[in-house]
Protein backbone atom coordinates (compact mmCIF):
# COMPACT_ATOMS: atom_id res chain seq x y z
CA UNK A 1 70.85 -1.32 -4.81
CA UNK A 2 67.52 -1.15 -2.94
CA UNK A 3 65.98 -3.44 -5.54
CA UNK A 4 68.81 -5.98 -5.05
CA UNK A 5 68.37 -5.90 -1.26
CA UNK A 6 64.63 -6.45 -1.59
CA UNK A 7 65.17 -9.45 -3.88
CA UNK A 8 67.74 -10.86 -1.46
CA UNK A 9 65.36 -10.55 1.49
CA UNK A 10 62.55 -12.18 -0.51
CA UNK A 11 64.86 -15.06 -1.49
CA UNK A 12 65.85 -15.66 2.15
CA UNK A 13 62.20 -15.72 3.24
CA UNK A 14 61.34 -18.28 0.56
CA UNK A 15 64.30 -20.49 1.58
CA UNK A 16 63.27 -20.38 5.25
CA UNK A 17 59.67 -21.29 4.30
CA UNK A 18 60.79 -24.28 2.21
CA UNK A 19 63.13 -25.53 4.95
CA UNK A 20 60.28 -25.43 7.48
CA UNK A 21 58.05 -27.52 5.17
CA UNK A 22 60.77 -30.12 4.54
CA UNK A 23 61.48 -30.39 8.28
CA UNK A 24 57.81 -30.99 9.00
CA UNK A 25 57.56 -33.72 6.37
CA UNK A 26 60.64 -35.56 7.67
CA UNK A 27 58.90 -36.17 10.99
CA UNK A 28 56.40 -38.48 9.27
CA UNK A 29 58.80 -40.39 6.97
CA UNK A 30 59.94 -43.94 7.71
CA UNK A 31 56.76 -45.95 8.21
CA UNK A 32 56.39 -45.06 11.92
CA UNK A 33 52.85 -45.01 13.32
CA UNK A 34 51.54 -41.51 13.97
CA UNK A 35 50.27 -41.29 17.54
CA UNK A 36 46.88 -39.76 18.22
CA UNK A 37 46.35 -37.11 20.90
CA UNK A 38 42.97 -38.61 21.81
CA UNK A 39 43.12 -40.89 24.88
CA UNK A 40 39.60 -42.24 24.45
CA UNK A 41 39.44 -42.64 20.66
CA UNK A 42 40.46 -46.31 20.49
CA UNK A 43 37.93 -47.50 23.06
CA UNK A 44 34.96 -45.40 21.97
CA UNK A 45 35.31 -44.80 18.24
CA UNK A 46 37.21 -47.89 17.15
CA UNK A 47 35.82 -50.83 19.17
CA UNK A 48 37.71 -53.41 17.09
CA UNK A 49 41.17 -51.81 17.49
CA UNK A 50 42.02 -53.49 20.78
CA UNK A 51 44.67 -56.15 20.27
CA UNK A 52 45.67 -54.99 16.79
CA UNK A 53 49.35 -54.05 16.46
CA UNK A 54 50.37 -50.48 15.77
CA UNK A 55 51.42 -51.34 12.21
CA UNK A 56 47.92 -52.63 11.51
CA UNK A 57 45.94 -49.86 13.15
CA UNK A 58 43.91 -47.20 11.50
CA UNK A 59 45.10 -44.11 13.32
CA UNK A 60 42.46 -41.41 13.57
CA UNK A 61 43.02 -37.84 14.76
CA UNK A 62 39.43 -36.79 15.35
CA UNK A 63 40.37 -33.23 16.35
CA UNK A 64 41.83 -32.61 12.89
CA UNK A 65 39.19 -34.76 11.14
CA UNK A 66 41.91 -36.80 9.45
CA UNK A 67 42.28 -40.56 9.13
CA UNK A 68 45.50 -42.30 8.12
CA UNK A 69 45.99 -45.93 7.20
CA UNK A 70 49.39 -47.20 8.31
CA UNK A 71 50.64 -49.61 5.68
CA UNK A 72 52.31 -52.91 6.33
CA UNK A 73 55.96 -52.25 5.52
CA UNK A 74 56.39 -55.52 3.64
CA UNK A 75 53.14 -55.83 1.69
CA UNK A 76 52.46 -52.10 1.39
CA UNK A 77 48.73 -52.66 1.69
CA UNK A 78 46.18 -51.90 4.40
CA UNK A 79 45.86 -54.83 6.80
CA UNK A 80 42.58 -53.60 8.21
CA UNK A 81 39.70 -51.79 6.56
CA UNK A 82 37.82 -48.72 7.70
CA UNK A 83 34.24 -47.55 7.33
CA UNK A 84 33.34 -43.93 7.98
CA UNK A 85 29.76 -42.74 8.20
CA UNK A 86 27.82 -39.88 9.85
CA UNK A 87 26.02 -40.56 13.07
CA UNK A 88 22.29 -40.00 13.42
CA UNK A 89 22.49 -38.28 16.77
CA UNK A 90 25.09 -35.59 16.06
CA UNK A 91 27.42 -34.28 13.43
CA UNK A 92 30.50 -36.35 14.30
CA UNK A 93 31.94 -39.03 12.10
CA UNK A 94 32.48 -42.63 13.14
CA UNK A 95 35.51 -44.66 12.10
CA UNK A 96 35.14 -48.41 12.56
CA UNK A 97 37.74 -51.05 11.78
CA UNK A 98 36.66 -54.45 10.52
CA UNK A 99 38.80 -57.48 9.90
CA UNK A 100 39.26 -58.56 6.31
CA UNK A 101 41.90 -60.30 4.24
CA UNK A 102 45.29 -58.57 4.29
CA UNK A 103 46.48 -58.56 0.72
CA UNK A 104 43.19 -58.01 -1.07
CA UNK A 105 42.70 -54.73 -2.91
CA UNK A 106 39.00 -54.80 -2.11
CA UNK A 107 37.97 -55.80 1.37
CA UNK A 108 34.69 -54.05 2.04
CA UNK A 109 32.71 -51.74 -0.21
CA UNK A 110 29.21 -50.35 -0.67
CA UNK A 111 27.90 -50.47 2.90
CA UNK A 112 24.13 -50.13 3.27
CA UNK A 113 22.26 -47.95 5.78
CA UNK A 114 18.85 -49.22 6.95
CA UNK A 115 16.71 -49.03 10.08
CA UNK A 116 16.52 -52.78 10.72
CA UNK A 117 14.75 -52.69 14.10
CA UNK A 118 12.39 -49.74 13.44
CA UNK A 119 13.76 -47.70 16.34
CA UNK A 120 14.33 -44.56 14.27
CA UNK A 121 18.08 -45.06 14.00
CA UNK A 122 19.79 -46.51 10.96
CA UNK A 123 22.14 -49.45 11.22
CA UNK A 124 25.11 -49.98 8.93
CA UNK A 125 25.15 -53.33 7.11
CA UNK A 126 28.39 -54.33 5.42
CA UNK A 127 29.98 -57.54 4.23
CA UNK A 128 33.65 -58.46 4.09
CA UNK A 129 35.60 -60.94 2.03
CA UNK A 130 37.06 -63.78 4.08
CA UNK A 131 37.95 -66.79 1.89
CA UNK A 132 35.07 -69.31 1.95
CA UNK A 133 33.64 -67.89 5.16
CA UNK A 134 32.84 -64.26 4.41
CA UNK A 135 31.24 -62.15 7.09
CA UNK A 136 28.38 -59.70 7.38
CA UNK A 137 28.37 -57.03 10.08
CA UNK A 138 25.44 -55.10 11.52
CA UNK A 139 26.68 -51.96 13.28
CA UNK A 140 24.74 -49.49 15.39
CA UNK A 141 24.78 -45.72 14.85
CA UNK A 142 27.08 -45.53 17.88
CA UNK A 143 29.68 -47.73 16.20
CA UNK A 144 28.91 -50.87 18.20
CA UNK A 145 29.12 -54.11 16.24
CA UNK A 146 25.73 -55.62 17.06
CA UNK A 147 26.03 -58.79 14.98
CA UNK A 148 28.99 -60.49 13.32
CA UNK A 149 27.63 -63.14 10.95
CA UNK A 150 29.70 -65.95 9.42
CA UNK A 151 28.07 -66.70 6.06
CA UNK A 152 29.88 -69.95 5.19
CA UNK A 153 30.31 -68.87 1.57
CA UNK A 154 32.42 -66.56 -0.57
CA UNK A 155 31.26 -63.00 -1.19
CA UNK A 156 32.68 -60.71 -3.80
CA UNK A 157 32.74 -57.49 -1.81
CA UNK A 158 31.59 -55.26 -4.64
CA UNK A 159 28.16 -56.85 -4.68
CA UNK A 160 26.39 -55.32 -1.71
CA UNK A 161 23.49 -56.64 0.40
CA UNK A 162 19.91 -55.71 -0.47
CA UNK A 163 17.17 -55.23 2.12
CA UNK A 164 13.37 -55.61 1.96
CA UNK A 165 10.53 -57.55 3.56
CA UNK A 166 10.83 -60.84 1.67
CA UNK A 167 8.47 -63.11 3.65
CA UNK A 168 5.70 -60.62 4.57
CA UNK A 169 6.44 -60.66 8.29
CA UNK A 170 6.54 -56.84 8.37
CA UNK A 171 10.25 -56.95 9.16
CA UNK A 172 13.12 -56.38 6.74
CA UNK A 173 15.27 -59.27 5.55
CA UNK A 174 18.85 -59.01 4.29
CA UNK A 175 19.57 -60.70 0.96
CA UNK A 176 23.19 -61.56 0.21
CA UNK A 177 24.57 -63.14 -2.96
CA UNK A 178 27.55 -65.46 -2.61
CA UNK A 179 29.23 -68.64 -3.85
CA UNK A 180 29.40 -71.95 -2.02
CA UNK A 181 33.18 -72.36 -2.16
CA UNK A 182 33.67 -76.12 -2.73
CA UNK A 183 30.91 -76.39 -5.34
CA UNK A 184 30.98 -72.83 -6.70
CA UNK A 185 27.20 -72.94 -6.38
CA UNK A 186 25.50 -69.56 -6.78
CA UNK A 187 23.43 -68.80 -3.70
CA UNK A 188 21.24 -66.19 -2.12
CA UNK A 189 21.43 -66.11 1.67
CA UNK A 190 18.30 -64.71 3.36
CA UNK A 191 18.95 -63.30 6.85
CA UNK A 192 16.48 -61.75 9.27
CA UNK A 193 16.97 -58.27 10.69
CA UNK A 194 19.26 -59.68 13.40
CA UNK A 195 21.53 -61.43 10.93
CA UNK A 196 20.16 -64.92 11.59
CA UNK A 197 20.06 -67.18 8.52
CA UNK A 198 16.48 -68.15 7.67
CA UNK A 199 16.89 -69.56 4.15
CA UNK A 200 19.40 -70.39 1.42
CA UNK A 201 18.44 -70.42 -2.26
CA UNK A 202 20.61 -72.33 -4.71
CA UNK A 203 20.11 -70.68 -8.11
CA UNK A 204 21.22 -71.46 -11.65
CA UNK A 205 22.12 -67.87 -12.47
CA UNK A 206 24.41 -65.90 -10.24
CA UNK A 207 24.72 -62.14 -10.46
CA UNK A 208 26.15 -61.48 -13.92
CA UNK A 209 28.94 -59.16 -12.88
CA UNK A 210 29.19 -59.42 -9.12
CA UNK A 211 31.97 -56.86 -9.11
CA UNK A 212 29.49 -54.16 -10.01
CA UNK A 213 25.92 -55.45 -10.26
CA UNK A 214 23.29 -55.80 -7.57
CA UNK A 215 19.70 -57.01 -7.26
CA UNK A 216 16.32 -55.28 -7.17
CA UNK A 217 13.83 -56.17 -4.44
CA UNK A 218 10.29 -54.94 -5.10
CA UNK A 219 6.74 -56.02 -5.85
CA UNK A 220 6.95 -56.34 -9.62
CA UNK A 221 3.49 -57.72 -10.42
CA UNK A 222 1.38 -56.06 -7.69
CA UNK A 223 0.62 -59.34 -5.91
CA UNK A 224 1.64 -58.06 -2.48
CA UNK A 225 4.92 -59.99 -2.32
CA UNK A 226 8.50 -59.01 -3.10
CA UNK A 227 10.24 -60.30 -6.21
CA UNK A 228 13.98 -60.48 -6.87
CA UNK A 229 15.08 -59.05 -10.23
CA UNK A 230 18.67 -59.15 -11.46
CA UNK A 231 21.00 -59.59 -14.41
CA UNK A 232 22.23 -63.18 -14.24
CA UNK A 233 25.07 -65.30 -15.60
CA UNK A 234 25.53 -69.08 -15.42
CA UNK A 235 28.91 -69.54 -17.06
CA UNK A 236 27.79 -69.66 -20.66
CA UNK A 237 25.08 -67.01 -21.09
CA UNK A 238 23.71 -63.85 -19.53
CA UNK A 239 20.02 -63.53 -18.68
CA UNK A 240 17.32 -61.43 -17.07
CA UNK A 241 16.16 -63.32 -13.98
CA UNK A 242 13.07 -62.82 -11.81
CA UNK A 243 12.53 -64.94 -8.67
CA UNK A 244 9.55 -65.03 -6.34
CA UNK A 245 9.88 -64.56 -2.59
CA UNK A 246 10.72 -68.26 -2.13
CA UNK A 247 13.55 -68.28 -4.66
CA UNK A 248 11.62 -69.93 -7.49
CA UNK A 249 11.90 -68.64 -11.07
CA UNK A 250 8.81 -66.68 -12.16
CA UNK A 251 6.83 -67.62 -15.26
CA UNK A 252 8.32 -66.07 -18.40
CA UNK A 253 11.83 -66.00 -16.95
CA UNK A 254 14.77 -66.34 -17.20
CA UNK A 255 15.21 -64.56 -20.51
CA UNK A 256 18.47 -65.20 -22.34
CA UNK A 257 20.05 -61.88 -23.25
CA UNK A 258 23.32 -63.00 -24.83
CA UNK A 259 23.92 -66.68 -25.51
CA UNK A 260 27.72 -66.55 -25.25
CA UNK A 261 30.05 -67.04 -22.32
CA UNK A 262 31.79 -63.68 -22.81
CA UNK A 263 28.75 -61.55 -22.05
CA UNK A 264 27.31 -59.79 -19.04
CA UNK A 265 24.08 -58.16 -17.93
CA UNK A 266 23.82 -54.96 -15.94
CA UNK A 267 21.50 -54.38 -13.01
CA UNK A 268 18.04 -53.91 -14.60
CA UNK A 269 15.86 -50.89 -13.99
CA UNK A 270 12.17 -51.17 -13.10
CA UNK A 271 9.61 -48.45 -13.76
CA UNK A 272 6.47 -47.50 -15.65
CA UNK A 273 7.14 -46.93 -19.34
CA UNK A 274 3.61 -46.83 -20.81
CA UNK A 275 1.64 -45.07 -18.06
CA UNK A 276 -0.47 -48.10 -17.15
CA UNK A 277 -0.81 -49.81 -13.77
CA UNK A 278 2.08 -52.24 -14.38
CA UNK A 279 5.81 -51.90 -14.19
CA UNK A 280 8.26 -52.66 -16.96
CA UNK A 281 11.85 -53.92 -16.84
CA UNK A 282 14.73 -52.40 -18.80
CA UNK A 283 17.74 -54.68 -19.20
CA UNK A 284 21.16 -53.84 -20.64
CA UNK A 285 23.58 -56.50 -21.79
CA UNK A 286 26.94 -56.46 -23.50
CA UNK A 287 29.00 -58.74 -25.71
CA UNK A 288 32.47 -58.81 -24.18
CA UNK A 289 33.85 -61.16 -26.84
CA UNK A 290 35.64 -58.43 -28.78
CA UNK A 291 39.36 -59.18 -28.54
CA UNK A 292 40.40 -55.68 -27.57
CA UNK A 293 40.55 -53.60 -24.42
CA UNK A 294 39.85 -50.53 -26.54
CA UNK A 295 36.57 -49.48 -28.07
CA UNK A 296 36.20 -50.78 -31.62
CA UNK A 297 33.56 -50.61 -34.33
CA UNK A 298 32.77 -54.28 -33.59
CA UNK A 299 31.62 -53.60 -30.03
CA UNK A 300 27.93 -54.18 -29.42
CA UNK A 301 25.66 -53.38 -26.49
CA UNK A 302 21.94 -54.04 -26.20
CA UNK A 303 19.08 -52.45 -24.32
CA UNK A 304 15.67 -54.13 -24.12
CA UNK A 305 12.35 -53.53 -22.37
CA UNK A 306 10.07 -56.29 -21.03
CA UNK A 307 6.69 -56.42 -19.34
CA UNK A 308 6.10 -58.31 -16.09
CA UNK A 309 5.38 -61.51 -18.00
CA UNK A 310 8.75 -61.51 -19.77
CA UNK A 311 7.41 -60.35 -23.14
CA UNK A 312 9.75 -58.06 -25.07
CA UNK A 313 8.34 -54.60 -25.79
CA UNK A 314 11.24 -53.14 -27.77
CA UNK A 315 14.99 -53.45 -28.22
CA UNK A 316 17.85 -51.24 -29.29
CA UNK A 317 21.28 -52.39 -30.49
CA UNK A 318 24.18 -50.00 -30.06
CA UNK A 319 27.09 -50.76 -32.39
CA UNK A 320 30.59 -49.40 -31.98
CA UNK A 321 30.02 -48.47 -28.36
CA UNK A 322 30.11 -50.09 -24.93
CA UNK A 323 27.48 -49.46 -22.29
CA UNK A 324 29.18 -49.39 -18.93
CA UNK A 325 26.39 -48.40 -16.56
CA UNK A 326 23.09 -49.62 -15.23
CA UNK A 327 19.99 -47.97 -16.75
CA UNK A 328 17.86 -45.45 -14.87
CA UNK A 329 14.16 -44.79 -15.50
CA UNK A 330 12.95 -41.25 -14.79
CA UNK A 331 10.99 -38.38 -16.32
CA UNK A 332 13.87 -35.98 -16.88
CA UNK A 333 12.08 -33.48 -19.15
CA UNK A 334 8.77 -33.25 -17.24
CA UNK A 335 6.68 -34.38 -20.22
CA UNK A 336 4.75 -36.95 -18.20
CA UNK A 337 6.63 -39.93 -19.71
CA UNK A 338 9.63 -41.70 -18.28
CA UNK A 339 12.91 -41.83 -20.15
CA UNK A 340 15.74 -44.37 -19.96
CA UNK A 341 19.15 -42.92 -19.12
CA UNK A 342 22.51 -44.71 -19.23
CA UNK A 343 26.13 -43.98 -20.01
CA UNK A 344 28.45 -45.50 -22.59
CA UNK A 345 31.99 -45.08 -23.81
CA UNK A 346 30.82 -42.21 -26.00
CA UNK A 347 28.84 -40.33 -23.37
CA UNK A 348 25.40 -40.08 -21.79
CA UNK A 349 22.49 -41.57 -23.73
CA UNK A 350 18.74 -40.96 -23.30
CA UNK A 351 15.96 -43.00 -24.89
CA UNK A 352 12.25 -42.28 -24.74
CA UNK A 353 9.80 -44.80 -23.30
CA UNK A 354 9.55 -46.50 -26.71
CA UNK A 355 13.30 -47.07 -26.92
CA UNK A 356 13.96 -44.34 -29.49
CA UNK A 357 16.06 -41.20 -29.46
CA UNK A 358 13.85 -38.10 -29.31
């Protein structure tokens, strides 16, 4: 009998516990906006929230360190986007809302942190997709939108801005890749550290896969100026492209990687492969012409190394596999030589500096 009474008591306790959980969940069902207990949050942490309706707000309860996106009841998608990043001055987090396109599944991604004005504090640089007039925002560490820049072109949000001193003025420039909407012309927009447009380069090759790829900004040939290195695509072939700091194609480039329209080139890696004073470029490309979403024995991926003049040093063809990542150059085994690391459908691959498997 005592055992039965104990089981009965335990059953009652479990039922009471479950009822309390269900009651708590019902309070948040029905698409109603959850009110925050913070009276100052909207004005200090979310400077762009003023004037946005409650159904479009990002509601943040900073005391519980939780953020909730209230979905539009009809479209069931976020109508504003949020960025969260740590402040430089303390350990709090900042939540900032930026306007984008309601209805897109990607509005802003891959923000960049950089000290643009050399004051010791990093700014947040992020671009948003807005039809043929995408925007770039420069935001202070305090969450203040310092500059809102209309770019007059279309940006795919997954290609993020790159930052370096392009024109040797000892100040960083912001390089953005986009398309001129009416003409679908591939362009690089060069902005100064305050977001002011200083140049536009029309280029034959856009970024090969602007959903994932980016560009490298560095001094490739040790001439004291910054070059732009990226995997390009012009509608019918993929290529390795190197531009000088005025947007002109460097001698020896572009190099056609795959001469078919169903190909793409990853973001190249730059590093020293033969322990001399010059850098080398490692480029990965892929033939996407296989009529299958699944890996087949007909899939082919290619990895090649070039010197700064565009001369091929070695190549490796990978059959029956798909390379899905950008390459990385690093000395991972501490032998004094750099290796090339990348991932594929079959796992992680490592080549030595001669393009062979050790």
